[in-house]
Every structure is written in C-alpha cells, then in structure tokens.
C-alpha cells in the first residue's frame, strides 16, 4: 500500500518538474513566413483545409441564422388568423 503511494508521489513530482524531457520546436518563424507570403490567398484561409472548413461552416451557420431570424420576424409581424 505504502509502496503505491510512494510511486504516485514520485510520479507526481516528475510530471510537475520544471525540466522538460524534450525540446519543442519553435514554429513561429515558419508560421510568420506562411502568413506573410503574398500569394493572393486571404489570411483567414492560409492555414489550409481546416481554415477553409471552419470558414465555410461559419458562413453556413451565419446564413442559416439570418434566414431563421427573418422567418421568425415575419411570423411575429404577420400572425395567423384564428378560425
């Protein structure tokens, strides 16, 4: 039992230590070069397929939302007749 607690204690110390087990690559210069490149692509689409997918999904939700708001406003302005 105490052996398991000691193992957990050592494991928690290792995960919270300040020394990194490996060095991370600095991607900022590469991204700066990619986004500042003048290739005719808008900045919001330079990230690739993911950015294009997010852009299209956002535009579709926006168009759907505007249409639904107009539909709701028309229904509120022109109530149905009671028989």
C-alpha atoms as a PDB file:
ATOM      1  CA  UNK A   1       0.000   0.000   0.000  1.00  0.00           C
ATOM      2  CA  UNK A   2       2.711   2.478   1.011  1.00  0.00           C
ATOM      3  CA  UNK A   3       4.778   1.412  -1.967  1.00  0.00           C
ATOM      4  CA  UNK A   4       1.929   2.519  -4.286  1.00  0.00           C
ATOM      5  CA  UNK A   5       1.656   5.856  -2.521  1.00  0.00           C
ATOM      6  CA  UNK A   6       5.397   6.379  -2.842  1.00  0.00           C
ATOM      7  CA  UNK A   7       5.209   5.564  -6.552  1.00  0.00           C
ATOM      8  CA  UNK A   8       2.372   8.042  -7.047  1.00  0.00           C
ATOM      9  CA  UNK A   9       4.319  10.673  -5.133  1.00  0.00           C
ATOM     10  CA  UNK A  10       7.388  10.190  -7.332  1.00  0.00           C
ATOM     11  CA  UNK A  11       5.285  10.221 -10.470  1.00  0.00           C
ATOM     12  CA  UNK A  12       3.574  13.462  -9.489  1.00  0.00           C
ATOM     13  CA  UNK A  13       6.934  15.087  -8.789  1.00  0.00           C
ATOM     14  CA  UNK A  14       8.207  14.052 -12.199  1.00  0.00           C
ATOM     15  CA  UNK A  15       5.185  15.409 -14.052  1.00  0.00           C
ATOM     16  CA  UNK A  16       5.338  18.735 -12.220  1.00  0.00           C
ATOM     17  CA  UNK A  17       9.094  19.217 -12.502  1.00  0.00           C
ATOM     18  CA  UNK A  18      10.459  22.226 -14.326  1.00  0.00           C
ATOM     19  CA  UNK A  19      12.770  20.283 -16.626  1.00  0.00           C
ATOM     20  CA  UNK A  20      11.321  19.412 -19.988  1.00  0.00           C
ATOM     21  CA  UNK A  21      12.072  15.896 -21.248  1.00  0.00           C
ATOM     22  CA  UNK A  22      12.419  17.161 -24.819  1.00  0.00           C
ATOM     23  CA  UNK A  23      12.811  20.496 -26.525  1.00  0.00           C
ATOM     24  CA  UNK A  24       9.868  21.786 -28.538  1.00  0.00           C
ATOM     25  CA  UNK A  25      10.429  23.186 -31.984  1.00  0.00           C
ATOM     26  CA  UNK A  26       9.757  26.908 -32.393  1.00  0.00           C
ATOM     27  CA  UNK A  27       7.129  27.126 -35.159  1.00  0.00           C
ATOM     28  CA  UNK A  28       6.671  30.900 -35.062  1.00  0.00           C
ATOM     29  CA  UNK A  29       9.181  31.791 -37.845  1.00  0.00           C
ATOM     30  CA  UNK A  30       7.625  29.194 -40.158  1.00  0.00           C
ATOM     31  CA  UNK A  31       4.093  30.486 -39.467  1.00  0.00           C
ATOM     32  CA  UNK A  32       5.204  34.093 -39.944  1.00  0.00           C
ATOM     33  CA  UNK A  33       6.672  33.196 -43.317  1.00  0.00           C
ATOM     34  CA  UNK A  34       3.490  31.319 -44.290  1.00  0.00           C
ATOM     35  CA  UNK A  35       1.052  34.051 -43.301  1.00  0.00           C
ATOM     36  CA  UNK A  36       3.087  36.999 -44.641  1.00  0.00           C
ATOM     37  CA  UNK A  37       3.599  35.415 -48.044  1.00  0.00           C
ATOM     38  CA  UNK A  38       1.857  37.344 -50.839  1.00  0.00           C
ATOM     39  CA  UNK A  39       0.169  34.575 -52.824  1.00  0.00           C
ATOM     40  CA  UNK A  40      -3.318  36.026 -53.290  1.00  0.00           C
ATOM     41  CA  UNK A  41      -4.930  33.825 -50.618  1.00  0.00           C
ATOM     42  CA  UNK A  42      -6.813  35.685 -47.859  1.00  0.00           C
ATOM     43  CA  UNK A  43      -5.194  35.499 -44.439  1.00  0.00           C
ATOM     44  CA  UNK A  44      -8.161  33.653 -42.919  1.00  0.00           C
ATOM     45  CA  UNK A  45      -7.673  30.811 -45.421  1.00  0.00           C
ATOM     46  CA  UNK A  46      -3.873  30.481 -45.378  1.00  0.00           C
ATOM     47  CA  UNK A  47      -3.994  27.798 -42.675  1.00  0.00           C
ATOM     48  CA  UNK A  48      -5.092  25.148 -45.156  1.00  0.00           C
ATOM     49  CA  UNK A  49      -8.085  22.850 -45.369  1.00  0.00           C
ATOM     50  CA  UNK A  50      -9.013  23.243 -41.710  1.00  0.00           C
ATOM     51  CA  UNK A  51      -9.328  27.002 -42.062  1.00  0.00           C
ATOM     52  CA  UNK A  52     -11.411  26.613 -45.219  1.00  0.00           C
ATOM     53  CA  UNK A  53     -13.720  24.140 -43.476  1.00  0.00           C
ATOM     54  CA  UNK A  54     -14.141  26.408 -40.448  1.00  0.00           C
ATOM     55  CA  UNK A  55     -14.792  29.401 -42.719  1.00  0.00           C
ATOM     56  CA  UNK A  56     -17.471  27.559 -44.700  1.00  0.00           C
ATOM     57  CA  UNK A  57     -19.136  26.203 -41.571  1.00  0.00           C
ATOM     58  CA  UNK A  58     -19.201  29.688 -40.052  1.00  0.00           C
ATOM     59  CA  UNK A  59     -20.686  31.186 -43.200  1.00  0.00           C
ATOM     60  CA  UNK A  60     -23.323  28.434 -43.449  1.00  0.00           C
ATOM     61  CA  UNK A  61     -24.360  28.943 -39.812  1.00  0.00           C
ATOM     62  CA  UNK A  62     -24.489  32.696 -40.346  1.00  0.00           C
ATOM     63  CA  UNK A  63     -26.698  32.416 -43.435  1.00  0.00           C
ATOM     64  CA  UNK A  64     -28.959  29.872 -41.713  1.00  0.00           C
ATOM     65  CA  UNK A  65     -29.193  32.090 -38.616  1.00  0.00           C
ATOM     66  CA  UNK A  66     -30.092  35.180 -40.641  1.00  0.00           C
ATOM     67  CA  UNK A  67     -32.735  33.252 -42.552  1.00  0.00           C
ATOM     68  CA  UNK A  68     -34.236  31.881 -39.346  1.00  0.00           C
ATOM     69  CA  UNK A  69     -34.337  35.360 -37.778  1.00  0.00           C
ATOM     70  CA  UNK A  70     -36.139  36.744 -40.835  1.00  0.00           C
ATOM     71  CA  UNK A  71     -38.596  33.829 -40.778  1.00  0.00           C
ATOM     72  CA  UNK A  72     -39.312  34.408 -37.077  1.00  0.00           C
ATOM     73  CA  UNK A  73     -39.754  38.159 -37.559  1.00  0.00           C
ATOM     74  CA  UNK A  74     -42.178  37.619 -40.443  1.00  0.00           C
ATOM     75  CA  UNK A  75     -44.183  35.121 -38.370  1.00  0.00           C
ATOM     76  CA  UNK A  76     -44.308  37.601 -35.480  1.00  0.00           C
ATOM     77  CA  UNK A  77     -45.331  40.505 -37.729  1.00  0.00           C
ATOM     78  CA  UNK A  78     -47.990  38.557 -39.614  1.00  0.00           C
ATOM     79  CA  UNK A  79     -49.787  36.328 -37.106  1.00  0.00           C
ATOM     80  CA  UNK A  80     -52.000  33.544 -38.406  1.00  0.00           C
ATOM     81  CA  UNK A  81     -55.747  34.111 -38.464  1.00  0.00           C
ATOM     82  CA  UNK A  82     -57.866  32.270 -35.935  1.00  0.00           C
ATOM     83  CA  UNK A  83     -60.778  30.333 -37.406  1.00  0.00           C
END
